[in-house]
Amino acid sequence: IEYVAPAPSLAGTNANPPPTPPGVG
């Protein structure tokens, strides 16, 4: 059996995420 569940939908998520805090990256 070969089956990979579909990827989660991005609908409804925040298209503009908050900026990354300083020092994180």
PDB file of all heavy atoms in Angstrom:
ATOM      1  N   ILE A   1       0.849  -1.188   0.000  1.00  0.00           N
ATOM      2  CA  ILE A   1       0.000   0.000   0.000  1.00  0.00           C
ATOM      3  C   ILE A   1       0.885   1.237   0.000  1.00  0.00           C
ATOM      4  O   ILE A   1       1.717   1.406   0.901  1.00  0.00           O
ATOM      5  CB  ILE A   1      -0.922   0.023   1.234  1.00  0.00           C
ATOM      6  CG1 ILE A   1      -1.767  -1.249   1.292  1.00  0.00           C
ATOM      7  CG2 ILE A   1      -1.812   1.269   1.226  1.00  0.00           C
ATOM      8  CD1 ILE A   1      -2.495  -1.429   2.600  1.00  0.00           C
ATOM      9  N   GLU A   2       0.696   2.086  -0.983  1.00  0.00           N
ATOM     10  CA  GLU A   2       1.428   3.346  -1.048  1.00  0.00           C
ATOM     11  C   GLU A   2       0.415   4.490  -0.968  1.00  0.00           C
ATOM     12  O   GLU A   2      -0.394   4.669  -1.878  1.00  0.00           O
ATOM     13  CB  GLU A   2       2.229   3.441  -2.346  1.00  0.00           C
ATOM     14  CG  GLU A   2       3.274   2.345  -2.508  1.00  0.00           C
ATOM     15  CD  GLU A   2       3.938   2.395  -3.871  1.00  0.00           C
ATOM     16  OE1 GLU A   2       4.492   3.458  -4.223  1.00  0.00           O
ATOM     17  OE2 GLU A   2       3.886   1.389  -4.596  1.00  0.00           O
ATOM     18  N   TYR A   3       0.465   5.218   0.125  1.00  0.00           N
ATOM     19  CA  TYR A   3      -0.456   6.346   0.285  1.00  0.00           C
ATOM     20  C   TYR A   3       0.125   7.335   1.289  1.00  0.00           C
ATOM     21  O   TYR A   3       0.523   6.951   2.388  1.00  0.00           O
ATOM     22  CB  TYR A   3      -1.823   5.871   0.773  1.00  0.00           C
ATOM     23  CG  TYR A   3      -2.822   6.997   0.953  1.00  0.00           C
ATOM     24  CD1 TYR A   3      -3.312   7.699  -0.144  1.00  0.00           C
ATOM     25  CD2 TYR A   3      -3.251   7.377   2.222  1.00  0.00           C
ATOM     26  CE1 TYR A   3      -4.210   8.740   0.013  1.00  0.00           C
ATOM     27  CE2 TYR A   3      -4.151   8.419   2.384  1.00  0.00           C
ATOM     28  CZ  TYR A   3      -4.622   9.094   1.270  1.00  0.00           C
ATOM     29  OH  TYR A   3      -5.502  10.135   1.431  1.00  0.00           O
ATOM     30  N   VAL A   4       0.187   8.565   0.893  1.00  0.00           N
ATOM     31  CA  VAL A   4       0.636   9.636   1.772  1.00  0.00           C
ATOM     32  C   VAL A   4      -0.529  10.605   1.941  1.00  0.00           C
ATOM     33  O   VAL A   4      -1.082  11.094   0.950  1.00  0.00           O
ATOM     34  CB  VAL A   4       1.852  10.376   1.185  1.00  0.00           C
ATOM     35  CG1 VAL A   4       2.269  11.512   2.108  1.00  0.00           C
ATOM     36  CG2 VAL A   4       3.009   9.410   0.980  1.00  0.00           C
ATOM     37  N   ALA A   5      -0.910  10.860   3.179  1.00  0.00           N
ATOM     38  CA  ALA A   5      -2.035  11.754   3.433  1.00  0.00           C
ATOM     39  C   ALA A   5      -1.751  13.129   2.846  1.00  0.00           C
ATOM     40  O   ALA A   5      -0.620  13.602   2.865  1.00  0.00           O
ATOM     41  CB  ALA A   5      -2.277  11.871   4.942  1.00  0.00           C
ATOM     42  N   PRO A   6      -2.780  13.765   2.272  1.00  0.00           N
ATOM     43  CA  PRO A   6      -2.591  15.105   1.699  1.00  0.00           C
ATOM     44  C   PRO A   6      -2.042  16.087   2.724  1.00  0.00           C
ATOM     45  O   PRO A   6      -2.303  15.971   3.921  1.00  0.00           O
ATOM     46  CB  PRO A   6      -4.001  15.505   1.246  1.00  0.00           C
ATOM     47  CG  PRO A   6      -4.745  14.219   1.124  1.00  0.00           C
ATOM     48  CD  PRO A   6      -4.158  13.297   2.153  1.00  0.00           C
ATOM     49  N   ALA A   7      -1.287  17.054   2.254  1.00  0.00           N
ATOM     50  CA  ALA A   7      -0.714  18.064   3.141  1.00  0.00           C
ATOM     51  C   ALA A   7      -1.819  18.917   3.738  1.00  0.00           C
ATOM     52  O   ALA A   7      -2.872  19.118   3.115  1.00  0.00           O
ATOM     53  CB  ALA A   7       0.264  18.937   2.367  1.00  0.00           C
ATOM     54  N   PRO A   8      -1.615  19.426   4.951  1.00  0.00           N
ATOM     55  CA  PRO A   8      -2.643  20.282   5.569  1.00  0.00           C
ATOM     56  C   PRO A   8      -2.914  21.515   4.728  1.00  0.00           C
ATOM     57  O   PRO A   8      -2.025  22.048   4.067  1.00  0.00           O
ATOM     58  CB  PRO A   8      -2.018  20.660   6.919  1.00  0.00           C
ATOM     59  CG  PRO A   8      -0.957  19.642   7.158  1.00  0.00           C
ATOM     60  CD  PRO A   8      -0.467  19.229   5.815  1.00  0.00           C
ATOM     61  N   SER A   9      -4.158  21.961   4.740  1.00  0.00           N
ATOM     62  CA  SER A   9      -4.528  23.165   4.006  1.00  0.00           C
ATOM     63  C   SER A   9      -4.018  24.397   4.744  1.00  0.00           C
ATOM     64  O   SER A   9      -4.050  24.471   5.972  1.00  0.00           O
ATOM     65  CB  SER A   9      -6.052  23.235   3.859  1.00  0.00           C
ATOM     66  OG  SER A   9      -6.434  24.474   3.304  1.00  0.00           O
ATOM     67  N   LEU A  10      -3.559  25.391   3.977  1.00  0.00           N
ATOM     68  CA  LEU A  10      -3.095  26.652   4.566  1.00  0.00           C
ATOM     69  C   LEU A  10      -4.195  27.704   4.602  1.00  0.00           C
ATOM     70  O   LEU A  10      -3.966  28.833   5.007  1.00  0.00           O
ATOM     71  CB  LEU A  10      -1.897  27.187   3.765  1.00  0.00           C
ATOM     72  CG  LEU A  10      -0.665  26.282   3.755  1.00  0.00           C
ATOM     73  CD1 LEU A  10       0.430  26.908   2.905  1.00  0.00           C
ATOM     74  CD2 LEU A  10      -0.159  26.025   5.162  1.00  0.00           C
ATOM     75  N   ALA A  11      -5.391  27.329   4.151  1.00  0.00           N
ATOM     76  CA  ALA A  11      -6.492  28.290   4.123  1.00  0.00           C
ATOM     77  C   ALA A  11      -6.844  28.711   5.553  1.00  0.00           C
ATOM     78  O   ALA A  11      -6.952  27.892   6.455  1.00  0.00           O
ATOM     79  CB  ALA A  11      -7.709  27.665   3.446  1.00  0.00           C
ATOM     80  N   GLY A  12      -7.030  29.976   5.718  1.00  0.00           N
ATOM     81  CA  GLY A  12      -7.415  30.491   7.018  1.00  0.00           C
ATOM     82  C   GLY A  12      -6.253  30.825   7.927  1.00  0.00           C
ATOM     83  O   GLY A  12      -6.447  31.333   9.034  1.00  0.00           O
ATOM     84  N   THR A  13      -5.014  30.534   7.499  1.00  0.00           N
ATOM     85  CA  THR A  13      -3.875  30.860   8.337  1.00  0.00           C
ATOM     86  C   THR A  13      -3.470  32.307   8.117  1.00  0.00           C
ATOM     87  O   THR A  13      -3.847  32.940   7.137  1.00  0.00           O
ATOM     88  CB  THR A  13      -2.690  29.935   8.001  1.00  0.00           C
ATOM     89  OG1 THR A  13      -2.369  30.091   6.616  1.00  0.00           O
ATOM     90  CG2 THR A  13      -3.044  28.487   8.263  1.00  0.00           C
ATOM     91  N   ASN A  14      -2.674  32.814   9.004  1.00  0.00           N
ATOM     92  CA  ASN A  14      -2.227  34.203   8.913  1.00  0.00           C
ATOM     93  C   ASN A  14      -1.214  34.341   7.783  1.00  0.00           C
ATOM     94  O   ASN A  14      -0.143  33.754   7.836  1.00  0.00           O
ATOM     95  CB  ASN A  14      -1.603  34.620  10.254  1.00  0.00           C
ATOM     96  CG  ASN A  14      -1.344  36.115  10.299  1.00  0.00           C
ATOM     97  OD1 ASN A  14      -1.396  36.802   9.288  1.00  0.00           O
ATOM     98  ND2 ASN A  14      -1.081  36.617  11.511  1.00  0.00           N
ATOM     99  N   ALA A  15      -1.566  35.092   6.744  1.00  0.00           N
ATOM    100  CA  ALA A  15      -0.669  35.255   5.604  1.00  0.00           C
ATOM    101  C   ALA A  15       0.490  36.172   5.925  1.00  0.00           C
ATOM    102  O   ALA A  15       1.493  36.192   5.216  1.00  0.00           O
ATOM    103  CB  ALA A  15      -1.441  35.812   4.399  1.00  0.00           C
ATOM    104  N   ASN A  16       0.369  36.967   6.987  1.00  0.00           N
ATOM    105  CA  ASN A  16       1.436  37.881   7.375  1.00  0.00           C
ATOM    106  C   ASN A  16       1.859  37.576   8.805  1.00  0.00           C
ATOM    107  O   ASN A  16       1.389  38.208   9.754  1.00  0.00           O
ATOM    108  CB  ASN A  16       0.962  39.343   7.271  1.00  0.00           C
ATOM    109  CG  ASN A  16       0.582  39.705   5.843  1.00  0.00           C
ATOM    110  OD1 ASN A  16       1.396  39.573   4.937  1.00  0.00           O
ATOM    111  ND2 ASN A  16      -0.650  40.161   5.654  1.00  0.00           N
ATOM    112  N   PRO A  17       2.710  36.581   8.990  1.00  0.00           N
ATOM    113  CA  PRO A  17       3.115  36.205  10.349  1.00  0.00           C
ATOM    114  C   PRO A  17       3.923  37.327  10.994  1.00  0.00           C
ATOM    115  O   PRO A  17       4.523  38.153  10.312  1.00  0.00           O
ATOM    116  CB  PRO A  17       3.978  34.959  10.123  1.00  0.00           C
ATOM    117  CG  PRO A  17       4.468  35.089   8.717  1.00  0.00           C
ATOM    118  CD  PRO A  17       3.361  35.772   7.973  1.00  0.00           C
ATOM    119  N   PRO A  18       3.910  37.390  12.331  1.00  0.00           N
ATOM    120  CA  PRO A  18       4.662  38.442  13.023  1.00  0.00           C
ATOM    121  C   PRO A  18       6.153  38.302  12.759  1.00  0.00           C
ATOM    122  O   PRO A  18       6.634  37.213  12.468  1.00  0.00           O
ATOM    123  CB  PRO A  18       4.327  38.195  14.500  1.00  0.00           C
ATOM    124  CG  PRO A  18       3.909  36.755  14.555  1.00  0.00           C
ATOM    125  CD  PRO A  18       3.241  36.482  13.247  1.00  0.00           C
ATOM    126  N   PRO A  19       6.885  39.420  12.828  1.00  0.00           N
ATOM    127  CA  PRO A  19       8.324  39.348  12.571  1.00  0.00           C
ATOM    128  C   PRO A  19       9.034  38.488  13.606  1.00  0.00           C
ATOM    129  O   PRO A  19       8.588  38.359  14.752  1.00  0.00           O
ATOM    130  CB  PRO A  19       8.766  40.817  12.668  1.00  0.00           C
ATOM    131  CG  PRO A  19       7.719  41.477  13.501  1.00  0.00           C
ATOM    132  CD  PRO A  19       6.442  40.769  13.167  1.00  0.00           C
ATOM    133  N   THR A  20      10.138  37.887  13.189  1.00  0.00           N
ATOM    134  CA  THR A  20      10.911  37.035  14.082  1.00  0.00           C
ATOM    135  C   THR A  20      11.594  37.883  15.136  1.00  0.00           C
ATOM    136  O   THR A  20      12.195  38.916  14.813  1.00  0.00           O
ATOM    137  CB  THR A  20      11.972  36.268  13.273  1.00  0.00           C
ATOM    138  OG1 THR A  20      11.319  35.544  12.248  1.00  0.00           O
ATOM    139  CG2 THR A  20      12.742  35.316  14.166  1.00  0.00           C
ATOM    140  N   PRO A  21      11.510  37.504  16.408  1.00  0.00           N
ATOM    141  CA  PRO A  21      12.152  38.284  17.466  1.00  0.00           C
ATOM    142  C   PRO A  21      13.657  38.366  17.242  1.00  0.00           C
ATOM    143  O   PRO A  21      14.239  37.486  16.622  1.00  0.00           O
ATOM    144  CB  PRO A  21      11.821  37.492  18.744  1.00  0.00           C
ATOM    145  CG  PRO A  21      10.645  36.655  18.385  1.00  0.00           C
ATOM    146  CD  PRO A  21      10.783  36.351  16.939  1.00  0.00           C
ATOM    147  N   PRO A  22      14.278  39.423  17.732  1.00  0.00           N
ATOM    148  CA  PRO A  22      15.729  39.558  17.574  1.00  0.00           C
ATOM    149  C   PRO A  22      16.469  38.379  18.198  1.00  0.00           C
ATOM    150  O   PRO A  22      16.103  37.892  19.268  1.00  0.00           O
ATOM    151  CB  PRO A  22      16.048  40.866  18.327  1.00  0.00           C
ATOM    152  CG  PRO A  22      14.760  41.598  18.383  1.00  0.00           C
ATOM    153  CD  PRO A  22      13.683  40.562  18.431  1.00  0.00           C
ATOM    154  N   GLY A  23      17.501  37.917  17.495  1.00  0.00           N
ATOM    155  CA  GLY A  23      18.324  36.838  18.025  1.00  0.00           C
ATOM    156  C   GLY A  23      17.847  35.464  17.654  1.00  0.00           C
ATOM    157  O   GLY A  23      18.518  34.482  17.947  1.00  0.00           O
ATOM    158  N   VAL A  24      16.677  35.340  17.007  1.00  0.00           N
ATOM    159  CA  VAL A  24      16.154  34.038  16.633  1.00  0.00           C
ATOM    160  C   VAL A  24      16.324  33.861  15.131  1.00  0.00           C
ATOM    161  O   VAL A  24      15.907  34.714  14.351  1.00  0.00           O
ATOM    162  CB  VAL A  24      14.673  33.889  17.015  1.00  0.00           C
ATOM    163  CG1 VAL A  24      14.142  32.551  16.537  1.00  0.00           C
ATOM    164  CG2 VAL A  24      14.508  34.012  18.510  1.00  0.00           C
ATOM    165  N   GLY A  25      16.913  32.779  14.722  1.00  0.00           N
ATOM    166  CA  GLY A  25      17.128  32.540  13.303  1.00  0.00           C
ATOM    167  C   GLY A  25      18.159  31.463  13.107  1.00  0.00           C
ATOM    168  O   GLY A  25      18.648  30.858  14.064  1.00  0.00           O
TER     169      GLY A  25
END
